[in-house]
Amino acid sequence: MNAMISRRALLGGGCILPLLALPGCSTLGDLGGFGFEDAIRRLLTISSQRAFANLLQDEGFFQDDLARVTLPPQLGGSGAASILSALLRTSSVQNQLLHLVNKAAAQAAENAAPIVYDSIRNMTITDAVSIVRGGQTAATAYLEQSIGDRIVSALFPGVGNALRALDSGIISRALGAATGINFSGLQQDVTQKTARGIWNAIGREEASIRANPSSANDPVLTGVFGVLG
């Protein structure tokens, strides 16, 4: 899927990536190797759709404990040095910065969605059975490994553009008061954490479907993971 996926489409709850049309199978033995691969793609498709729909909502990243982007240490994030500018220690500035970087994450995440969906459709699955029988986020981990740094490359420009567009001077003031970080460093930090947040959110949805296969409303997933459960 080469066309950019719109925020409206992602939030609409419709099927963004058409699921492959295979007959539903009631038992694990009916599926065979191709069925396992299809089950993985269906699992990742639905998990990704749900994850992006949640993350792209207003305050989606900020309100998500698994996806929230934290500030880098130089701006008062976890592990911050004990000596910080008074500007960076104020709760007001911290709150503004946190909301800003999470809004930037949500805007940039739209650029990652097409890569995720294209990769699900086209990835080569070398050991489908082990993924199906794997841990709660085995398919997500496999997809993350397949995509690698491409998701970071897709996110990086969007994060920078969003940070500049959203900034009302707070970023430049904060960076001016900090040491050891500049705009490029902040952009890279937010990009890496945005990617991690996306994978965490997709993994959570995968685990939820594995725990309750019927919630996906998909006969193949119900057949595969229902039998395994």
Protein backbone atom coordinates (compact mmCIF):
# COMPACT_ATOMS: atom_id res chain seq x y z
CA MET A 1 0.00 0.00 0.00
CA ASN A 2 1.86 3.04 -1.26
CA ALA A 3 -0.67 5.75 -0.64
CA MET A 4 -0.48 7.64 2.64
CA ILE A 5 -3.04 6.44 5.12
CA SER A 6 -5.11 9.33 6.43
CA ARG A 7 -5.75 9.98 10.09
CA ARG A 8 -9.48 9.82 9.36
CA ALA A 9 -9.12 6.33 7.88
CA LEU A 10 -7.06 5.13 10.82
CA LEU A 11 -9.50 6.49 13.37
CA GLY A 12 -12.58 5.33 11.51
CA GLY A 13 -12.19 1.76 12.66
CA GLY A 14 -12.56 0.36 9.15
CA CYS A 15 -10.36 -2.30 7.60
CA ILE A 16 -7.35 -0.42 6.29
CA LEU A 17 -5.37 -3.40 5.10
CA PRO A 18 -7.65 -5.96 3.44
CA LEU A 19 -7.26 -9.34 5.07
CA LEU A 20 -6.38 -12.19 2.77
CA ALA A 21 -9.45 -14.13 1.77
CA LEU A 22 -9.03 -17.67 3.03
CA PRO A 23 -11.80 -19.93 4.24
CA GLY A 24 -12.13 -20.11 8.00
CA CYS A 25 -10.78 -23.28 9.56
CA SER A 26 -12.15 -24.76 12.70
CA THR A 27 -9.14 -26.80 13.73
CA LEU A 28 -5.42 -26.21 13.82
CA GLY A 29 -4.73 -29.14 11.54
CA ASP A 30 -6.92 -27.76 8.76
CA LEU A 31 -4.68 -24.73 8.25
CA GLY A 32 -1.30 -26.04 7.15
CA GLY A 33 1.76 -23.82 6.57
CA PHE A 34 0.04 -21.19 4.44
CA GLY A 35 -2.75 -20.87 6.97
CA PHE A 36 -0.28 -20.15 9.76
CA GLU A 37 1.31 -17.38 7.71
CA ASP A 38 -2.09 -15.90 6.95
CA ALA A 39 -3.01 -16.05 10.63
CA ILE A 40 0.12 -14.10 11.52
CA ARG A 41 -0.61 -11.44 8.92
CA ARG A 42 -4.20 -11.14 10.12
CA LEU A 43 -3.04 -10.92 13.73
CA LEU A 44 -0.52 -8.17 12.92
CA THR A 45 -2.96 -6.28 10.70
CA ILE A 46 -5.66 -6.06 13.33
CA SER A 47 -3.17 -5.37 16.11
CA SER A 48 -1.59 -2.54 14.11
CA GLN A 49 -4.92 -1.03 13.13
CA ARG A 50 -6.03 -0.94 16.75
CA ALA A 51 -2.70 0.45 17.95
CA PHE A 52 -2.56 3.28 15.41
CA ALA A 53 -6.22 4.13 15.95
CA ASN A 54 -5.52 4.64 19.65
CA LEU A 55 -2.20 6.44 19.26
CA LEU A 56 -3.43 8.91 16.65
CA GLN A 57 -6.27 10.13 18.79
CA ASP A 58 -5.88 13.47 20.53
CA GLU A 59 -3.40 12.90 23.38
CA GLY A 60 -3.12 9.27 22.24
CA PHE A 61 0.58 8.93 23.01
CA PHE A 62 0.47 11.05 26.14
CA GLN A 63 -2.35 9.05 27.71
CA ASP A 64 -0.83 5.67 26.90
CA ASP A 65 1.46 4.37 29.64
CA LEU A 66 3.22 2.02 27.20
CA ALA A 67 3.66 4.51 24.36
CA ARG A 68 4.15 7.84 26.16
CA VAL A 69 7.25 9.73 25.05
CA THR A 70 9.33 10.88 28.02
CA LEU A 71 11.69 13.82 28.00
CA PRO A 72 15.41 13.18 27.58
CA PRO A 73 17.53 13.48 30.74
CA GLN A 74 18.93 16.84 29.63
CA LEU A 75 15.42 18.29 29.70
CA GLY A 76 14.46 16.82 33.04
CA GLY A 77 13.40 13.35 32.00
CA SER A 78 14.17 10.14 33.85
CA GLY A 79 17.78 9.96 34.94
CA ALA A 80 18.21 13.72 34.75
CA ALA A 81 21.27 15.28 36.27
CA SER A 82 20.80 16.80 39.70
CA ILE A 83 21.75 20.29 38.54
CA LEU A 84 19.17 21.62 36.12
CA SER A 85 18.08 25.07 35.15
CA ALA A 86 15.22 26.41 37.24
CA LEU A 87 13.32 26.73 33.99
CA LEU A 88 13.48 23.00 33.39
CA ARG A 89 12.51 22.13 36.95
CA THR A 90 9.17 23.90 36.85
CA SER A 91 6.14 21.62 36.51
CA SER A 92 4.58 24.02 34.02
CA VAL A 93 7.49 23.78 31.60
CA GLN A 94 7.78 20.03 32.07
CA ASN A 95 4.09 19.59 31.32
CA GLN A 96 4.27 21.77 28.21
CA LEU A 97 7.29 19.91 26.91
CA LEU A 98 5.75 16.50 27.60
CA HIS A 99 2.55 17.35 25.75
CA LEU A 100 4.50 18.87 22.89
CA VAL A 101 6.78 15.88 22.27
CA ASN A 102 3.84 13.48 22.51
CA LYS A 103 1.81 15.52 20.03
CA ALA A 104 4.83 15.45 17.73
CA ALA A 105 4.98 11.67 18.14
CA ALA A 106 1.34 11.30 17.16
CA GLN A 107 1.72 13.47 14.07
CA ALA A 108 4.84 11.63 12.94
CA ALA A 109 3.30 8.22 13.58
CA GLU A 110 1.09 8.65 10.52
CA ASN A 111 4.25 8.36 8.42
CA ALA A 112 5.09 5.01 9.98
CA ALA A 113 1.71 3.39 9.37
CA PRO A 114 2.17 2.67 5.63
CA ILE A 115 5.55 1.04 6.28
CA VAL A 116 4.05 -1.20 8.94
CA TYR A 117 1.12 -2.24 6.73
CA ASP A 118 3.28 -2.81 3.63
CA SER A 119 5.71 -4.88 5.66
CA ILE A 120 2.91 -7.07 7.01
CA ARG A 121 1.71 -7.78 3.49
CA ASN A 122 5.14 -8.46 2.00
CA MET A 123 7.32 -9.90 4.76
CA THR A 124 8.72 -13.40 4.41
CA ILE A 125 7.75 -15.55 7.37
CA THR A 126 10.39 -18.25 7.79
CA ASP A 127 8.93 -20.13 10.77
CA ALA A 128 5.24 -19.39 11.05
CA VAL A 129 4.52 -22.23 13.47
CA SER A 130 7.00 -20.97 16.06
CA ILE A 131 5.53 -17.46 15.86
CA VAL A 132 1.98 -18.75 16.23
CA ARG A 133 3.03 -20.86 19.20
CA GLY A 134 5.33 -18.16 20.59
CA GLY A 135 4.94 -15.66 23.39
CA GLN A 136 2.30 -12.98 23.68
CA THR A 137 4.12 -10.56 21.37
CA ALA A 138 6.02 -13.01 19.16
CA ALA A 139 4.49 -11.73 15.92
CA THR A 140 5.12 -8.08 16.83
CA ALA A 141 8.75 -8.87 17.64
CA TYR A 142 9.12 -10.61 14.28
CA LEU A 143 7.61 -7.63 12.45
CA GLU A 144 9.83 -5.18 14.32
CA GLN A 145 12.89 -7.19 13.36
CA SER A 146 11.72 -7.34 9.73
CA ILE A 147 11.25 -3.57 9.50
CA GLY A 148 14.36 -2.64 11.46
CA ASP A 149 15.43 1.00 11.32
CA ARG A 150 13.11 1.85 8.44
CA ILE A 151 10.44 2.92 10.90
CA VAL A 152 12.88 5.32 12.57
CA SER A 153 13.85 6.77 9.19
CA ALA A 154 10.19 7.28 8.35
CA LEU A 155 9.46 8.97 11.67
CA PHE A 156 12.50 11.24 11.91
CA PRO A 157 11.50 14.01 9.44
CA GLY A 158 7.93 14.11 10.72
CA VAL A 159 9.06 14.44 14.32
CA GLY A 160 11.29 17.38 13.42
CA ASN A 161 8.59 19.11 11.41
CA ALA A 162 6.02 18.59 14.15
CA LEU A 163 8.33 19.87 16.89
CA ARG A 164 8.98 23.03 14.91
CA ALA A 165 5.33 23.56 14.04
CA LEU A 166 4.10 22.99 17.60
CA ASP A 167 6.80 25.02 19.31
CA SER A 168 5.79 28.41 20.66
CA GLY A 169 9.28 29.11 21.96
CA ILE A 170 9.29 26.59 24.78
CA ILE A 171 11.65 24.18 23.01
CA SER A 172 14.23 26.82 22.14
CA ARG A 173 14.11 28.18 25.70
CA ALA A 174 14.45 24.71 27.17
CA LEU A 175 17.31 23.74 24.88
CA GLY A 176 19.02 27.04 25.63
CA ALA A 177 18.90 26.25 29.34
CA ALA A 178 20.06 22.64 28.96
CA THR A 179 23.49 21.26 28.26
CA GLY A 180 24.46 18.29 26.13
CA ILE A 181 21.47 18.38 23.80
CA ASN A 182 20.38 20.40 20.78
CA PHE A 183 17.36 20.29 18.48
CA SER A 184 18.75 17.40 16.44
CA GLY A 185 19.38 15.45 19.63
CA LEU A 186 15.83 16.07 20.83
CA GLN A 187 14.45 15.06 17.44
CA GLN A 188 16.40 11.80 17.53
CA ASP A 189 15.34 11.06 21.11
CA VAL A 190 11.64 11.64 20.39
CA THR A 191 11.88 9.60 17.18
CA GLN A 192 13.39 6.58 18.93
CA LYS A 193 10.80 6.72 21.71
CA THR A 194 7.96 7.14 19.22
CA ALA A 195 9.05 3.98 17.41
CA ARG A 196 9.31 2.12 20.71
CA GLY A 197 5.84 3.35 21.68
CA ILE A 198 4.35 2.09 18.41
CA TRP A 199 5.83 -1.38 18.92
CA ASN A 200 4.67 -1.47 22.53
CA ALA A 201 1.14 -0.57 21.46
CA ILE A 202 1.04 -3.15 18.67
CA GLY A 203 2.41 -5.80 21.01
CA ARG A 204 -0.24 -5.03 23.58
CA GLU A 205 -2.98 -5.49 20.98
CA GLU A 206 -1.43 -8.77 19.83
CA ALA A 207 -1.36 -10.07 23.39
CA SER A 208 -4.99 -9.05 23.84
CA ILE A 209 -6.08 -10.95 20.73
CA ARG A 210 -4.10 -14.03 21.70
CA ALA A 211 -5.80 -13.96 25.10
CA ASN A 212 -9.26 -13.56 23.54
CA PRO A 213 -9.14 -14.60 19.85
CA SER A 214 -12.87 -14.10 19.28
CA SER A 215 -12.45 -10.38 19.98
CA ALA A 216 -10.79 -10.01 16.57
CA ASN A 217 -13.97 -11.13 14.78
CA ASP A 218 -11.83 -13.13 12.39
CA PRO A 219 -12.52 -16.84 11.79
CA VAL A 220 -8.91 -17.75 11.04
CA LEU A 221 -7.60 -16.11 14.21
CA THR A 222 -10.38 -17.68 16.25
CA GLY A 223 -9.58 -21.08 14.73
CA VAL A 224 -5.81 -20.88 15.24
CA PHE A 225 -5.46 -19.16 18.58
CA GLY A 226 -8.69 -20.54 19.97
CA VAL A 227 -7.35 -24.08 19.54
CA LEU A 228 -3.97 -23.12 20.98
CA GLY A 229 -5.65 -21.43 23.95
